[in-house]
């Protein structure tokens, strides 16, 4: 099933994805792409063509690259309050979880496969996940989603936007990371942590994206 779904890529596209070889190689490739702020939902093929991506598109490309290198194409959703969600490609090595992510914030990207559970992995993003008011905004994480469920819609290579994946993420169960009492008592980030998290951030006149 995996091989037949990958056949929708051209030989050149598939060689490129396989040349990344490992989750860390995939992350380096995604890091080298410029971050863009357009309201798009490109497929991995479209991202390869344009050589730019935002959070959601980076996760889709990472999931396709993971699949090309022998991993299942898994993602999960980090859900925030007073902030945007963050979609992350996830993988497991020797029973431990890691993550690949494209982010406009320096602390919301790669995670080594050292986390025993998805909750541990999600919590690793907590301190680095904040809005421009310096509020720590991460609240929930979803169960993992295997993108092979969307193979019939050609999610890896279609020219149509992948809004159907984003919409699906809104429908699935999310697990709470902190209690309402904890959330009410959170402190804002200090100036130094805020500046460190924003290093290299792409900006435009309005809005914020993870």
Protein backbone atom coordinates (compact mmCIF):
# COMPACT_ATOMS: atom_id res chain seq x y z
CA UNK A 1 0.00 0.00 0.00
CA UNK A 2 2.77 2.40 0.89
CA UNK A 3 4.68 1.71 -2.31
CA UNK A 4 1.64 2.14 -4.55
CA UNK A 5 0.74 5.44 -2.92
CA UNK A 6 4.29 6.72 -3.36
CA UNK A 7 4.08 5.90 -7.07
CA UNK A 8 2.07 9.11 -7.52
CA UNK A 9 5.32 11.04 -7.12
CA UNK A 10 7.59 11.43 -10.14
CA UNK A 11 10.88 9.50 -9.97
CA UNK A 12 12.73 12.79 -9.37
CA UNK A 13 10.41 13.78 -6.52
CA UNK A 14 10.73 10.39 -4.90
CA UNK A 15 14.53 10.45 -5.20
CA UNK A 16 14.55 13.81 -3.47
CA UNK A 17 12.41 12.61 -0.58
CA UNK A 18 14.44 9.42 -0.15
CA UNK A 19 17.71 11.35 -0.25
CA UNK A 20 16.74 12.98 3.05
CA UNK A 21 17.24 9.52 4.64
CA UNK A 22 16.25 10.23 8.26
CA UNK A 23 13.92 12.39 10.36
CA UNK A 24 16.80 14.75 11.11
CA UNK A 25 17.62 14.99 7.41
CA UNK A 26 13.99 15.81 6.68
CA UNK A 27 14.05 18.51 9.36
CA UNK A 28 17.18 20.09 7.90
CA UNK A 29 15.57 20.18 4.46
CA UNK A 30 12.43 21.83 5.85
CA UNK A 31 14.49 24.31 7.89
CA UNK A 32 16.28 25.42 4.73
CA UNK A 33 12.96 26.35 3.08
CA UNK A 34 11.79 29.94 3.56
CA UNK A 35 8.73 30.28 5.79
CA UNK A 36 5.75 31.91 4.12
CA UNK A 37 2.62 33.47 5.65
CA UNK A 38 0.08 32.91 2.88
CA UNK A 39 -3.24 31.24 3.73
CA UNK A 40 -2.56 28.10 1.70
CA UNK A 41 -2.70 24.32 2.23
CA UNK A 42 -0.35 22.94 -0.41
CA UNK A 43 0.35 19.27 -0.96
CA UNK A 44 3.91 17.95 -0.55
CA UNK A 45 4.36 18.02 -4.34
CA UNK A 46 3.34 21.69 -4.44
CA UNK A 47 5.72 22.51 -1.57
CA UNK A 48 8.61 20.80 -3.38
CA UNK A 49 7.81 22.85 -6.46
CA UNK A 50 7.58 26.19 -4.64
CA UNK A 51 10.36 25.46 -2.11
CA UNK A 52 8.55 27.32 0.68
CA UNK A 53 6.12 26.26 3.38
CA UNK A 54 4.40 27.19 6.61
CA UNK A 55 3.61 24.99 9.62
CA UNK A 56 0.82 22.87 8.14
CA UNK A 57 2.54 22.42 4.77
CA UNK A 58 5.84 21.57 6.43
CA UNK A 59 4.13 18.83 8.43
CA UNK A 60 2.51 17.42 5.28
CA UNK A 61 5.84 17.36 3.45
CA UNK A 62 7.59 15.82 6.45
CA UNK A 63 4.95 13.08 6.68
CA UNK A 64 5.39 12.26 2.99
CA UNK A 65 9.18 12.20 3.39
CA UNK A 66 8.87 9.95 6.44
CA UNK A 67 6.76 7.56 4.39
CA UNK A 68 9.32 7.57 1.56
CA UNK A 69 11.95 6.56 4.12
CA UNK A 70 10.02 3.69 5.68
CA UNK A 71 8.04 5.38 8.45
CA UNK A 72 4.25 5.73 8.61
CA UNK A 73 3.01 9.22 7.57
CA UNK A 74 1.89 10.40 11.01
CA UNK A 75 0.96 13.86 12.28
CA UNK A 76 -0.64 15.29 15.38
CA UNK A 77 -2.18 18.65 16.20
CA UNK A 78 -1.14 20.97 19.01
CA UNK A 79 -4.12 23.11 19.99
CA UNK A 80 -3.74 26.56 21.55
CA UNK A 81 -5.83 29.34 23.06
CA UNK A 82 -5.46 32.94 21.84
CA UNK A 83 -3.04 31.57 19.27
CA UNK A 84 -2.89 29.36 16.19
CA UNK A 85 -2.63 25.58 16.29
CA UNK A 86 0.58 23.82 15.26
CA UNK A 87 0.61 20.67 13.11
CA UNK A 88 3.63 18.42 13.58
CA UNK A 89 4.85 15.27 11.82
CA UNK A 90 5.69 12.56 14.34
CA UNK A 91 7.77 9.40 14.21
CA UNK A 92 8.91 6.66 16.58
CA UNK A 93 12.31 5.04 17.07
CA UNK A 94 12.73 2.14 19.49
CA UNK A 95 9.40 2.93 21.11
CA UNK A 96 10.14 6.63 21.66
CA UNK A 97 8.51 9.57 19.89
CA UNK A 98 10.13 12.44 18.03
CA UNK A 99 8.81 15.21 15.81
CA UNK A 100 9.55 17.20 12.65
CA UNK A 101 8.03 20.64 12.24
CA UNK A 102 8.19 23.84 10.24
CA UNK A 103 7.67 26.79 12.55
CA UNK A 104 7.94 30.54 12.61
CA UNK A 105 9.20 30.22 16.19
CA UNK A 106 12.59 28.75 16.97
CA UNK A 107 11.47 26.46 19.79
CA UNK A 108 8.56 24.78 17.99
CA UNK A 109 10.46 22.65 15.51
CA UNK A 110 12.41 19.37 15.72
CA UNK A 111 12.30 16.92 18.60
CA UNK A 112 14.67 13.98 19.02
CA UNK A 113 13.00 10.57 19.53
CA UNK A 114 13.39 10.47 23.32
CA UNK A 115 9.78 10.92 24.50
CA UNK A 116 7.99 7.91 25.98
CA UNK A 117 4.50 9.12 25.11
CA UNK A 118 2.76 11.61 22.87
CA UNK A 119 1.85 13.59 25.96
CA UNK A 120 5.53 13.90 26.87
CA UNK A 121 6.25 14.99 23.29
CA UNK A 122 3.45 17.58 23.35
CA UNK A 123 4.61 18.94 26.73
CA UNK A 124 8.10 19.46 25.31
CA UNK A 125 6.58 22.30 23.25
CA UNK A 126 4.86 24.00 26.20
CA UNK A 127 7.44 26.61 27.21
CA UNK A 128 8.34 27.44 23.61
CA UNK A 129 4.70 27.84 22.53
CA UNK A 130 3.57 31.43 23.09
CA UNK A 131 1.73 34.28 21.39
CA UNK A 132 2.85 37.85 20.78
CA UNK A 133 1.40 38.87 24.14
CA UNK A 134 4.02 36.55 25.63
CA UNK A 135 1.35 34.22 26.96
CA UNK A 136 2.04 30.48 27.02
CA UNK A 137 -0.82 29.30 24.86
CA UNK A 138 -0.53 25.52 24.31
CA UNK A 139 -3.46 23.62 25.87
CA UNK A 140 -4.21 20.32 24.10
CA UNK A 141 -2.86 17.71 21.69
CA UNK A 142 -4.64 15.32 19.36
CA UNK A 143 -4.32 11.61 18.90
CA UNK A 144 -1.98 10.67 16.04
CA UNK A 145 -3.38 10.73 12.51
CA UNK A 146 -2.07 8.39 9.83
CA UNK A 147 -2.37 10.34 6.60
CA UNK A 148 -2.75 7.15 4.59
CA UNK A 149 -6.46 7.54 5.40
CA UNK A 150 -6.40 10.33 2.78
CA UNK A 151 -4.60 8.39 0.05
CA UNK A 152 -7.83 8.18 -1.90
CA UNK A 153 -7.71 12.00 -2.13
CA UNK A 154 -4.05 11.96 -3.29
CA UNK A 155 -2.93 14.18 -0.43
CA UNK A 156 0.76 13.90 -1.35
CA UNK A 157 0.52 15.06 -4.95
CA UNK A 158 -2.81 16.80 -5.58
CA UNK A 159 -2.97 20.31 -6.98
CA UNK A 160 -6.00 20.93 -4.77
CA UNK A 161 -5.49 22.43 -1.27
CA UNK A 162 -5.40 20.07 1.68
CA UNK A 163 -8.05 21.87 3.72
CA UNK A 164 -9.77 18.52 4.18
CA UNK A 165 -6.86 17.41 6.38
CA UNK A 166 -6.99 20.59 8.47
CA UNK A 167 -10.77 20.23 8.82
CA UNK A 168 -10.38 16.62 9.95
CA UNK A 169 -7.99 17.71 12.70
CA UNK A 170 -10.74 19.92 14.12
CA UNK A 171 -13.06 16.92 14.48
CA UNK A 172 -10.85 14.48 16.37
CA UNK A 173 -10.35 14.16 20.10
CA UNK A 174 -7.74 16.36 21.77
CA UNK A 175 -6.27 15.62 25.20
CA UNK A 176 -5.88 18.35 27.80
CA UNK A 177 -2.31 19.20 28.85
CA UNK A 178 -3.02 21.51 31.79
CA UNK A 179 -5.99 22.23 34.02
CA UNK A 180 -8.00 25.48 33.89
CA UNK A 181 -6.51 26.41 37.28
CA UNK A 182 -2.98 25.97 35.93
CA UNK A 183 -3.86 28.06 32.86
CA UNK A 184 -5.18 30.93 35.00
CA UNK A 185 -1.93 31.03 36.97
CA UNK A 186 0.56 31.00 34.11
CA UNK A 187 3.10 33.82 33.90
CA UNK A 188 4.08 35.68 30.77
CA UNK A 189 7.43 34.96 29.17
CA UNK A 190 10.38 37.10 30.19
CA UNK A 191 11.84 39.37 27.53
CA UNK A 192 14.93 37.24 26.87
CA UNK A 193 12.94 34.02 26.32
CA UNK A 194 10.52 35.85 24.06
CA UNK A 195 13.29 37.30 21.92
CA UNK A 196 15.04 33.92 21.67
CA UNK A 197 11.83 32.24 20.52
CA UNK A 198 11.28 34.88 17.83
CA UNK A 199 14.75 34.69 16.24
CA UNK A 200 14.38 34.55 12.46
CA UNK A 201 10.59 34.96 12.56
CA UNK A 202 8.92 35.91 9.26
CA UNK A 203 6.53 38.84 9.69
CA UNK A 204 3.84 40.73 7.86
CA UNK A 205 1.56 43.56 8.87
CA UNK A 206 -0.92 41.44 10.78
CA UNK A 207 -1.49 38.03 12.26
CA UNK A 208 0.76 35.39 13.67
CA UNK A 209 1.45 31.84 12.58
CA UNK A 210 3.17 28.99 14.33
